[in-house]
């Protein structure tokens, strides 16, 4: 079953994608496609649960790109995105994703 993907703040997401190097862009598109096709059955190393209703899509390469998303029925909501520079997710990144989650 294919899942529908919705992006909160599409303009911000487009700018983020444009800021990535070409290789990271290609890997991210591949991983989003995997997520759309597999949904919640996709596991590590691609996906990690980070909160009760939030998961992290993990794209590695030259840049470590992270997308925070939530799943509701057969819909995936991409809430936040960033380049990960440390082992832990910064609290401000998680807080922003949680605030966007309340708006869907």
PDB file of N, CA and C in Angstrom:
ATOM      1  N   UNK A   1       0.840  -1.184   0.000  1.00  0.00           N
ATOM      2  CA  UNK A   1       0.000   0.000   0.000  1.00  0.00           C
ATOM      3  C   UNK A   1       0.881   1.242   0.000  1.00  0.00           C
ATOM      4  N   UNK A   2       0.615   2.146  -0.918  1.00  0.00           N
ATOM      5  CA  UNK A   2       1.358   3.403  -0.964  1.00  0.00           C
ATOM      6  C   UNK A   2       0.704   4.402  -0.009  1.00  0.00           C
ATOM      7  N   UNK A   3       1.520   5.147   0.675  1.00  0.00           N
ATOM      8  CA  UNK A   3       1.053   6.152   1.618  1.00  0.00           C
ATOM      9  C   UNK A   3       1.105   7.522   0.964  1.00  0.00           C
ATOM     10  N   UNK A   4       0.148   8.373   1.315  1.00  0.00           N
ATOM     11  CA  UNK A   4       0.168   9.757   0.836  1.00  0.00           C
ATOM     12  C   UNK A   4       1.136  10.539   1.712  1.00  0.00           C
ATOM     13  N   UNK A   5       1.906  11.402   1.080  1.00  0.00           N
ATOM     14  CA  UNK A   5       2.854  12.226   1.837  1.00  0.00           C
ATOM     15  C   UNK A   5       2.417  13.682   1.750  1.00  0.00           C
ATOM     16  N   UNK A   6       2.328  14.303   2.921  1.00  0.00           N
ATOM     17  CA  UNK A   6       2.001  15.719   3.023  1.00  0.00           C
ATOM     18  C   UNK A   6       3.166  16.416   3.707  1.00  0.00           C
ATOM     19  N   UNK A   7       3.539  17.572   3.182  1.00  0.00           N
ATOM     20  CA  UNK A   7       4.660  18.325   3.745  1.00  0.00           C
ATOM     21  C   UNK A   7       4.124  19.606   4.348  1.00  0.00           C
ATOM     22  N   UNK A   8       4.396  19.776   5.632  1.00  0.00           N
ATOM     23  CA  UNK A   8       4.031  21.010   6.316  1.00  0.00           C
ATOM     24  C   UNK A   8       5.096  22.048   5.927  1.00  0.00           C
ATOM     25  N   UNK A   9       4.662  23.216   5.447  1.00  0.00           N
ATOM     26  CA  UNK A   9       5.571  24.289   5.012  1.00  0.00           C
ATOM     27  C   UNK A   9       6.359  23.862   3.763  1.00  0.00           C
ATOM     28  N   UNK A  10       5.660  23.683   2.669  1.00  0.00           N
ATOM     29  CA  UNK A  10       6.278  23.224   1.414  1.00  0.00           C
ATOM     30  C   UNK A  10       7.370  24.157   0.917  1.00  0.00           C
ATOM     31  N   UNK A  11       7.172  25.469   1.052  1.00  0.00           N
ATOM     32  CA  UNK A  11       8.201  26.412   0.587  1.00  0.00           C
ATOM     33  C   UNK A  11       9.492  26.252   1.375  1.00  0.00           C
ATOM     34  N   UNK A  12       9.382  26.098   2.675  1.00  0.00           N
ATOM     35  CA  UNK A  12      10.564  25.884   3.503  1.00  0.00           C
ATOM     36  C   UNK A  12      11.264  24.585   3.145  1.00  0.00           C
ATOM     37  N   UNK A  13      10.477  23.555   2.838  1.00  0.00           N
ATOM     38  CA  UNK A  13      11.043  22.256   2.465  1.00  0.00           C
ATOM     39  C   UNK A  13      11.783  22.364   1.128  1.00  0.00           C
ATOM     40  N   UNK A  14      11.199  23.080   0.163  1.00  0.00           N
ATOM     41  CA  UNK A  14      11.863  23.262  -1.137  1.00  0.00           C
ATOM     42  C   UNK A  14      13.204  23.989  -0.975  1.00  0.00           C
ATOM     43  N   UNK A  15      13.221  25.010  -0.136  1.00  0.00           N
ATOM     44  CA  UNK A  15      14.471  25.748   0.104  1.00  0.00           C
ATOM     45  C   UNK A  15      15.516  24.848   0.761  1.00  0.00           C
ATOM     46  N   UNK A  16      15.061  24.017   1.695  1.00  0.00           N
ATOM     47  CA  UNK A  16      15.973  23.088   2.368  1.00  0.00           C
ATOM     48  C   UNK A  16      16.569  22.114   1.357  1.00  0.00           C
ATOM     49  N   UNK A  17      15.741  21.537   0.506  1.00  0.00           N
ATOM     50  CA  UNK A  17      16.210  20.585  -0.509  1.00  0.00           C
ATOM     51  C   UNK A  17      17.230  21.267  -1.429  1.00  0.00           C
ATOM     52  N   UNK A  18      16.928  22.489  -1.835  1.00  0.00           N
ATOM     53  CA  UNK A  18      17.830  23.219  -2.732  1.00  0.00           C
ATOM     54  C   UNK A  18      19.177  23.502  -2.070  1.00  0.00           C
ATOM     55  N   UNK A  19      19.211  23.584  -0.751  1.00  0.00           N
ATOM     56  CA  UNK A  19      20.457  23.874  -0.043  1.00  0.00           C
ATOM     57  C   UNK A  19      21.371  22.648   0.088  1.00  0.00           C
ATOM     58  N   UNK A  20      20.835  21.464  -0.188  1.00  0.00           N
ATOM     59  CA  UNK A  20      21.616  20.232  -0.057  1.00  0.00           C
ATOM     60  C   UNK A  20      22.498  20.009  -1.279  1.00  0.00           C
ATOM     61  N   UNK A  21      23.594  19.253  -1.081  1.00  0.00           N
ATOM     62  CA  UNK A  21      24.405  18.879  -2.233  1.00  0.00           C
ATOM     63  C   UNK A  21      23.635  17.850  -3.071  1.00  0.00           C
ATOM     64  N   UNK A  22      24.019  17.706  -4.319  1.00  0.00           N
ATOM     65  CA  UNK A  22      23.289  16.865  -5.276  1.00  0.00           C
ATOM     66  C   UNK A  22      23.149  15.427  -4.794  1.00  0.00           C
ATOM     67  N   UNK A  23      24.194  14.873  -4.238  1.00  0.00           N
ATOM     68  CA  UNK A  23      24.169  13.495  -3.753  1.00  0.00           C
ATOM     69  C   UNK A  23      23.152  13.327  -2.616  1.00  0.00           C
ATOM     70  N   UNK A  24      23.132  14.273  -1.692  1.00  0.00           N
ATOM     71  CA  UNK A  24      22.185  14.214  -0.569  1.00  0.00           C
ATOM     72  C   UNK A  24      20.750  14.376  -1.057  1.00  0.00           C
ATOM     73  N   UNK A  25      20.545  15.232  -2.050  1.00  0.00           N
ATOM     74  CA  UNK A  25      19.213  15.392  -2.626  1.00  0.00           C
ATOM     75  C   UNK A  25      18.710  14.065  -3.197  1.00  0.00           C
ATOM     76  N   UNK A  26      19.569  13.396  -3.960  1.00  0.00           N
ATOM     77  CA  UNK A  26      19.186  12.122  -4.584  1.00  0.00           C
ATOM     78  C   UNK A  26      18.882  11.054  -3.532  1.00  0.00           C
ATOM     79  N   UNK A  27      19.698  10.981  -2.504  1.00  0.00           N
ATOM     80  CA  UNK A  27      19.472   9.987  -1.444  1.00  0.00           C
ATOM     81  C   UNK A  27      18.190  10.288  -0.681  1.00  0.00           C
ATOM     82  N   UNK A  28      17.919  11.559  -0.453  1.00  0.00           N
ATOM     83  CA  UNK A  28      16.706  11.931   0.267  1.00  0.00           C
ATOM     84  C   UNK A  28      15.463  11.568  -0.549  1.00  0.00           C
ATOM     85  N   UNK A  29      15.493  11.842  -1.839  1.00  0.00           N
ATOM     86  CA  UNK A  29      14.362  11.482  -2.703  1.00  0.00           C
ATOM     87  C   UNK A  29      14.153   9.973  -2.680  1.00  0.00           C
ATOM     88  N   UNK A  30      15.236   9.199  -2.746  1.00  0.00           N
ATOM     89  CA  UNK A  30      15.149   7.739  -2.685  1.00  0.00           C
ATOM     90  C   UNK A  30      14.522   7.284  -1.365  1.00  0.00           C
ATOM     91  N   UNK A  31      14.957   7.885  -0.262  1.00  0.00           N
ATOM     92  CA  UNK A  31      14.448   7.473   1.051  1.00  0.00           C
ATOM     93  C   UNK A  31      12.990   7.880   1.254  1.00  0.00           C
ATOM     94  N   UNK A  32      12.589   9.035   0.744  1.00  0.00           N
ATOM     95  CA  UNK A  32      11.180   9.441   0.830  1.00  0.00           C
ATOM     96  C   UNK A  32      10.322   8.477   0.014  1.00  0.00           C
ATOM     97  N   UNK A  33      10.840   8.047  -1.134  1.00  0.00           N
ATOM     98  CA  UNK A  33      10.122   7.070  -1.949  1.00  0.00           C
ATOM     99  C   UNK A  33       9.957   5.746  -1.190  1.00  0.00           C
ATOM    100  N   UNK A  34      11.008   5.300  -0.519  1.00  0.00           N
ATOM    101  CA  UNK A  34      10.918   4.090   0.312  1.00  0.00           C
ATOM    102  C   UNK A  34       9.875   4.257   1.410  1.00  0.00           C
ATOM    103  N   UNK A  35       9.871   5.408   2.040  1.00  0.00           N
ATOM    104  CA  UNK A  35       8.908   5.688   3.094  1.00  0.00           C
ATOM    105  C   UNK A  35       7.487   5.670   2.545  1.00  0.00           C
ATOM    106  N   UNK A  36       7.286   6.262   1.382  1.00  0.00           N
ATOM    107  CA  UNK A  36       5.957   6.308   0.780  1.00  0.00           C
ATOM    108  C   UNK A  36       5.470   4.901   0.437  1.00  0.00           C
ATOM    109  N   UNK A  37       6.347   4.065  -0.037  1.00  0.00           N
ATOM    110  CA  UNK A  37       5.964   2.705  -0.429  1.00  0.00           C
ATOM    111  C   UNK A  37       5.761   1.784   0.767  1.00  0.00           C
ATOM    112  N   UNK A  38       6.564   1.950   1.813  1.00  0.00           N
ATOM    113  CA  UNK A  38       6.569   1.004   2.938  1.00  0.00           C
ATOM    114  C   UNK A  38       5.915   1.497   4.213  1.00  0.00           C
ATOM    115  N   UNK A  39       5.813   2.807   4.379  1.00  0.00           N
ATOM    116  CA  UNK A  39       5.180   3.360   5.576  1.00  0.00           C
ATOM    117  C   UNK A  39       5.796   2.842   6.866  1.00  0.00           C
ATOM    118  N   UNK A  40       4.961   2.424   7.804  1.00  0.00           N
ATOM    119  CA  UNK A  40       5.458   2.058   9.133  1.00  0.00           C
ATOM    120  C   UNK A  40       6.270   0.767   9.196  1.00  0.00           C
ATOM    121  N   UNK A  41       6.317  -0.011   8.122  1.00  0.00           N
ATOM    122  CA  UNK A  41       7.140  -1.221   8.196  1.00  0.00           C
ATOM    123  C   UNK A  41       8.611  -0.934   7.920  1.00  0.00           C
ATOM    124  N   UNK A  42       8.924   0.276   7.454  1.00  0.00           N
ATOM    125  CA  UNK A  42      10.313   0.670   7.227  1.00  0.00           C
ATOM    126  C   UNK A  42      10.985   0.862   8.584  1.00  0.00           C
ATOM    127  N   UNK A  43      12.118   0.224   8.783  1.00  0.00           N
ATOM    128  CA  UNK A  43      12.816   0.248  10.080  1.00  0.00           C
ATOM    129  C   UNK A  43      14.250   0.749   9.918  1.00  0.00           C
ATOM    130  N   UNK A  44      15.034   0.598  10.981  1.00  0.00           N
ATOM    131  CA  UNK A  44      16.446   0.985  10.977  1.00  0.00           C
ATOM    132  C   UNK A  44      17.147   0.265   9.838  1.00  0.00           C
ATOM    133  N   UNK A  45      18.072   0.877   9.176  1.00  0.00           N
ATOM    134  CA  UNK A  45      18.718   2.146   9.479  1.00  0.00           C
ATOM    135  C   UNK A  45      18.003   3.363   8.872  1.00  0.00           C
ATOM    136  N   UNK A  46      16.882   3.138   8.189  1.00  0.00           N
ATOM    137  CA  UNK A  46      16.192   4.245   7.532  1.00  0.00           C
ATOM    138  C   UNK A  46      15.324   5.065   8.478  1.00  0.00           C
ATOM    139  N   UNK A  47      14.693   4.404   9.432  1.00  0.00           N
ATOM    140  CA  UNK A  47      13.712   5.065  10.297  1.00  0.00           C
ATOM    141  C   UNK A  47      13.986   4.728  11.756  1.00  0.00           C
ATOM    142  N   UNK A  48      13.779   5.726  12.612  1.00  0.00           N
ATOM    143  CA  UNK A  48      13.917   5.526  14.051  1.00  0.00           C
ATOM    144  C   UNK A  48      12.784   6.265  14.745  1.00  0.00           C
ATOM    145  N   UNK A  49      12.120   5.598  15.679  1.00  0.00           N
ATOM    146  CA  UNK A  49      11.074   6.257  16.456  1.00  0.00           C
ATOM    147  C   UNK A  49      11.740   7.159  17.491  1.00  0.00           C
ATOM    148  N   UNK A  50      11.288   8.421  17.555  1.00  0.00           N
ATOM    149  CA  UNK A  50      11.942   9.369  18.461  1.00  0.00           C
ATOM    150  C   UNK A  50      10.993   9.939  19.510  1.00  0.00           C
ATOM    151  N   UNK A  51       9.709   9.685  19.343  1.00  0.00           N
ATOM    152  CA  UNK A  51       8.707  10.197  20.272  1.00  0.00           C
ATOM    153  C   UNK A  51       7.462   9.349  20.097  1.00  0.00           C
ATOM    154  N   UNK A  52       6.486   9.544  20.961  1.00  0.00           N
ATOM    155  CA  UNK A  52       5.262   8.742  20.896  1.00  0.00           C
ATOM    156  C   UNK A  52       4.635   8.719  19.505  1.00  0.00           C
ATOM    157  N   UNK A  53       4.570   9.876  18.838  1.00  0.00           N
ATOM    158  CA  UNK A  53       3.942   9.962  17.519  1.00  0.00           C
ATOM    159  C   UNK A  53       4.899  10.425  16.426  1.00  0.00           C
ATOM    160  N   UNK A  54       6.186  10.456  16.706  1.00  0.00           N
ATOM    161  CA  UNK A  54       7.148  10.981  15.743  1.00  0.00           C
ATOM    162  C   UNK A  54       8.223   9.965  15.395  1.00  0.00           C
ATOM    163  N   UNK A  55       8.574   9.962  14.117  1.00  0.00           N
ATOM    164  CA  UNK A  55       9.656   9.135  13.616  1.00  0.00           C
ATOM    165  C   UNK A  55      10.633  10.019  12.878  1.00  0.00           C
ATOM    166  N   UNK A  56      11.844   9.503  12.720  1.00  0.00           N
ATOM    167  CA  UNK A  56      12.913  10.224  12.050  1.00  0.00           C
ATOM    168  C   UNK A  56      13.333   9.415  10.823  1.00  0.00           C
ATOM    169  N   UNK A  57      13.223  10.014   9.641  1.00  0.00           N
ATOM    170  CA  UNK A  57      13.756   9.403   8.431  1.00  0.00           C
ATOM    171  C   UNK A  57      15.215   9.815   8.355  1.00  0.00           C
ATOM    172  N   UNK A  58      16.096   8.822   8.295  1.00  0.00           N
ATOM    173  CA  UNK A  58      17.531   9.055   8.413  1.00  0.00           C
ATOM    174  C   UNK A  58      18.214   8.831   7.064  1.00  0.00           C
ATOM    175  N   UNK A  59      18.668   9.898   6.450  1.00  0.00           N
ATOM    176  CA  UNK A  59      19.387   9.816   5.186  1.00  0.00           C
ATOM    177  C   UNK A  59      20.842  10.161   5.450  1.00  0.00           C
ATOM    178  N   UNK A  60      21.711   9.211   5.173  1.00  0.00           N
ATOM    179  CA  UNK A  60      23.134   9.423   5.433  1.00  0.00           C
ATOM    180  C   UNK A  60      23.899   9.538   4.141  1.00  0.00           C
ATOM    181  N   UNK A  61      24.990  10.213   4.224  1.00  0.00           N
ATOM    182  CA  UNK A  61      25.867  10.455   3.084  1.00  0.00           C
ATOM    183  C   UNK A  61      26.812  11.557   3.477  1.00  0.00           C
ATOM    184  N   UNK A  62      27.138  12.418   2.539  1.00  0.00           N
ATOM    185  CA  UNK A  62      28.000  13.559   2.834  1.00  0.00           C
ATOM    186  C   UNK A  62      27.363  14.428   3.919  1.00  0.00           C
ATOM    187  N   UNK A  63      26.038  14.578   3.821  1.00  0.00           N
ATOM    188  CA  UNK A  63      25.271  15.299   4.839  1.00  0.00           C
ATOM    189  C   UNK A  63      24.299  14.317   5.489  1.00  0.00           C
ATOM    190  N   UNK A  64      24.127  14.430   6.785  1.00  0.00           N
ATOM    191  CA  UNK A  64      23.170  13.571   7.499  1.00  0.00           C
ATOM    192  C   UNK A  64      21.839  14.315   7.605  1.00  0.00           C
ATOM    193  N   UNK A  65      20.970  14.027   6.655  1.00  0.00           N
ATOM    194  CA  UNK A  65      19.690  14.712   6.571  1.00  0.00           C
ATOM    195  C   UNK A  65      18.669  13.950   7.394  1.00  0.00           C
ATOM    196  N   UNK A  66      17.865  14.679   8.150  1.00  0.00           N
ATOM    197  CA  UNK A  66      16.817  14.075   8.960  1.00  0.00           C
ATOM    198  C   UNK A  66      15.485  14.746   8.668  1.00  0.00           C
ATOM    199  N   UNK A  67      14.461  13.915   8.497  1.00  0.00           N
ATOM    200  CA  UNK A  67      13.085  14.391   8.374  1.00  0.00           C
ATOM    201  C   UNK A  67      12.322  13.831   9.548  1.00  0.00           C
ATOM    202  N   UNK A  68      11.576  14.665  10.238  1.00  0.00           N
ATOM    203  CA  UNK A  68      10.722  14.196  11.324  1.00  0.00           C
ATOM    204  C   UNK A  68       9.301  14.159  10.784  1.00  0.00           C
ATOM    205  N   UNK A  69       8.658  13.010  10.980  1.00  0.00           N
ATOM    206  CA  UNK A  69       7.324  12.838  10.420  1.00  0.00           C
ATOM    207  C   UNK A  69       6.421  12.088  11.384  1.00  0.00           C
ATOM    208  N   UNK A  70       5.131  12.121  11.061  1.00  0.00           N
ATOM    209  CA  UNK A  70       4.120  11.391  11.819  1.00  0.00           C
ATOM    210  C   UNK A  70       3.227  10.671  10.818  1.00  0.00           C
ATOM    211  N   UNK A  71       2.635   9.575  11.261  1.00  0.00           N
ATOM    212  CA  UNK A  71       1.744   8.800  10.403  1.00  0.00           C
ATOM    213  C   UNK A  71       0.357   8.794  11.018  1.00  0.00           C
ATOM    214  N   UNK A  72      -0.622   9.103  10.196  1.00  0.00           N
ATOM    215  CA  UNK A  72      -2.027   9.033  10.598  1.00  0.00           C
ATOM    216  C   UNK A  72      -2.764   8.272   9.503  1.00  0.00           C
ATOM    217  N   UNK A  73      -3.281   7.107   9.848  1.00  0.00           N
ATOM    218  CA  UNK A  73      -3.932   6.212   8.885  1.00  0.00           C
ATOM    219  C   UNK A  73      -2.954   5.922   7.762  1.00  0.00           C
ATOM    220  N   UNK A  74      -3.284   6.226   6.522  1.00  0.00           N
ATOM    221  CA  UNK A  74      -2.361   5.970   5.413  1.00  0.00           C
ATOM    222  C   UNK A  74      -1.730   7.270   4.905  1.00  0.00           C
ATOM    223  N   UNK A  75      -1.567   8.219   5.809  1.00  0.00           N
ATOM    224  CA  UNK A  75      -0.992   9.509   5.451  1.00  0.00           C
ATOM    225  C   UNK A  75       0.259   9.779   6.292  1.00  0.00           C
ATOM    226  N   UNK A  76       1.293  10.244   5.627  1.00  0.00           N
ATOM    227  CA  UNK A  76       2.546  10.597   6.291  1.00  0.00           C
ATOM    228  C   UNK A  76       2.699  12.112   6.221  1.00  0.00           C
ATOM    229  N   UNK A  77       2.890  12.722   7.366  1.00  0.00           N
ATOM    230  CA  UNK A  77       3.057  14.170   7.455  1.00  0.00           C
ATOM    231  C   UNK A  77       4.508  14.480   7.791  1.00  0.00           C
ATOM    232  N   UNK A  78       5.217  15.093   6.851  1.00  0.00           N
ATOM    233  CA  UNK A  78       6.591  15.522   7.111  1.00  0.00           C
ATOM    234  C   UNK A  78       6.504  16.869   7.815  1.00  0.00           C
ATOM    235  N   UNK A  79       6.957  16.872   9.060  1.00  0.00           N
ATOM    236  CA  UNK A  79       6.758  18.027   9.931  1.00  0.00           C
ATOM    237  C   UNK A  79       7.969  18.951  10.002  1.00  0.00           C
ATOM    238  N   UNK A  80       9.171  18.353   9.950  1.00  0.00           N
ATOM    239  CA  UNK A  80      10.379  19.169  10.134  1.00  0.00           C
ATOM    240  C   UNK A  80      11.556  18.455   9.481  1.00  0.00           C
ATOM    241  N   UNK A  81      12.582  19.204   9.139  1.00  0.00           N
ATOM    242  CA  UNK A  81      13.757  18.679   8.463  1.00  0.00           C
ATOM    243  C   UNK A  81      14.964  19.484   8.886  1.00  0.00           C
ATOM    244  N   UNK A  82      16.109  18.832   8.907  1.00  0.00           N
ATOM    245  CA  UNK A  82      17.348  19.512   9.284  1.00  0.00           C
ATOM    246  C   UNK A  82      18.537  18.633   8.940  1.00  0.00           C
ATOM    247  N   UNK A  83      19.723  19.216   9.004  1.00  0.00           N
ATOM    248  CA  UNK A  83      20.962  18.462   8.851  1.00  0.00           C
ATOM    249  C   UNK A  83      21.462  18.177  10.257  1.00  0.00           C
ATOM    250  N   UNK A  84      21.660  16.927  10.541  1.00  0.00           N
ATOM    251  CA  UNK A  84      22.066  16.518  11.885  1.00  0.00           C
ATOM    252  C   UNK A  84      23.583  16.635  12.008  1.00  0.00           C
ATOM    253  N   UNK A  85      24.010  17.324  13.061  1.00  0.00           N
ATOM    254  CA  UNK A  85      25.438  17.551  13.258  1.00  0.00           C
ATOM    255  C   UNK A  85      25.963  16.913  14.532  1.00  0.00           C
ATOM    256  N   UNK A  86      25.070  16.438  15.391  1.00  0.00           N
ATOM    257  CA  UNK A  86      25.492  15.778  16.621  1.00  0.00           C
ATOM    258  C   UNK A  86      24.679  14.499  16.794  1.00  0.00           C
ATOM    259  N   UNK A  87      25.025  13.692  17.787  1.00  0.00           N
ATOM    260  CA  UNK A  87      24.339  12.419  17.968  1.00  0.00           C
ATOM    261  C   UNK A  87      22.888  12.576  18.408  1.00  0.00           C
ATOM    262  N   UNK A  88      22.627  13.540  19.255  1.00  0.00           N
ATOM    263  CA  UNK A  88      21.268  13.731  19.750  1.00  0.00           C
ATOM    264  C   UNK A  88      20.543  14.793  18.939  1.00  0.00           C
ATOM    265  N   UNK A  89      19.223  14.625  18.862  1.00  0.00           N
ATOM    266  CA  UNK A  89      18.398  15.645  18.220  1.00  0.00           C
ATOM    267  C   UNK A  89      18.279  16.812  19.188  1.00  0.00           C
ATOM    268  N   UNK A  90      18.517  18.007  18.696  1.00  0.00           N
ATOM    269  CA  UNK A  90      18.407  19.182  19.559  1.00  0.00           C
ATOM    270  C   UNK A  90      16.953  19.365  19.986  1.00  0.00           C
ATOM    271  N   UNK A  91      16.728  19.758  21.230  1.00  0.00           N
ATOM    272  CA  UNK A  91      15.355  19.946  21.724  1.00  0.00           C
ATOM    273  C   UNK A  91      14.531  20.903  20.872  1.00  0.00           C
ATOM    274  N   UNK A  92      15.152  21.946  20.299  1.00  0.00           N
ATOM    275  CA  UNK A  92      14.395  22.903  19.485  1.00  0.00           C
ATOM    276  C   UNK A  92      13.851  22.239  18.223  1.00  0.00           C
ATOM    277  N   UNK A  93      14.570  21.264  17.668  1.00  0.00           N
ATOM    278  CA  UNK A  93      14.109  20.553  16.470  1.00  0.00           C
ATOM    279  C   UNK A  93      12.876  19.715  16.805  1.00  0.00           C
ATOM    280  N   UNK A  94      12.932  19.021  17.920  1.00  0.00           N
ATOM    281  CA  UNK A  94      11.817  18.188  18.364  1.00  0.00           C
ATOM    282  C   UNK A  94      10.613  19.051  18.732  1.00  0.00           C
ATOM    283  N   UNK A  95      10.867  20.163  19.393  1.00  0.00           N
ATOM    284  CA  UNK A  95       9.787  21.064  19.805  1.00  0.00           C
ATOM    285  C   UNK A  95       9.048  21.618  18.587  1.00  0.00           C
ATOM    286  N   UNK A  96       9.780  22.000  17.543  1.00  0.00           N
ATOM    287  CA  UNK A  96       9.159  22.520  16.330  1.00  0.00           C
ATOM    288  C   UNK A  96       8.295  21.447  15.663  1.00  0.00           C
ATOM    289  N   UNK A  97       8.797  20.224  15.579  1.00  0.00           N
ATOM    290  CA  UNK A  97       8.029  19.126  14.975  1.00  0.00           C
ATOM    291  C   UNK A  97       6.754  18.870  15.784  1.00  0.00           C
ATOM    292  N   UNK A  98       6.863  18.887  17.100  1.00  0.00           N
ATOM    293  CA  UNK A  98       5.688  18.665  17.940  1.00  0.00           C
ATOM    294  C   UNK A  98       4.657  19.778  17.780  1.00  0.00           C
ATOM    295  N   UNK A  99       5.119  21.010  17.655  1.00  0.00           N
ATOM    296  CA  UNK A  99       4.178  22.117  17.473  1.00  0.00           C
ATOM    297  C   UNK A  99       3.469  22.003  16.119  1.00  0.00           C
ATOM    298  N   UNK A 100       4.164  21.558  15.110  1.00  0.00           N
ATOM    299  CA  UNK A 100       3.547  21.377  13.798  1.00  0.00           C
ATOM    300  C   UNK A 100       2.585  20.184  13.820  1.00  0.00           C
ATOM    301  N   UNK A 101       2.880  19.196  14.625  1.00  0.00           N
ATOM    302  CA  UNK A 101       2.010  18.027  14.743  1.00  0.00           C
ATOM    303  C   UNK A 101       0.630  18.417  15.247  1.00  0.00           C
ATOM    304  N   UNK A 102       0.565  19.384  16.150  1.00  0.00           N
ATOM    305  CA  UNK A 102      -0.724  19.810  16.695  1.00  0.00           C
ATOM    306  C   UNK A 102      -1.581  20.533  15.659  1.00  0.00           C
ATOM    307  N   UNK A 103      -0.954  20.994  14.559  1.00  0.00           N
ATOM    308  CA  UNK A 103      -1.699  21.732  13.545  1.00  0.00           C
ATOM    309  C   UNK A 103      -2.318  20.822  12.465  1.00  0.00           C
ATOM    310  N   UNK A 104      -2.035  19.521  12.531  1.00  0.00           N
ATOM    311  CA  UNK A 104      -2.610  18.636  11.500  1.00  0.00           C
ATOM    312  C   UNK A 104      -3.806  17.879  12.023  1.00  0.00           C
TER     313      UNK A 104
END
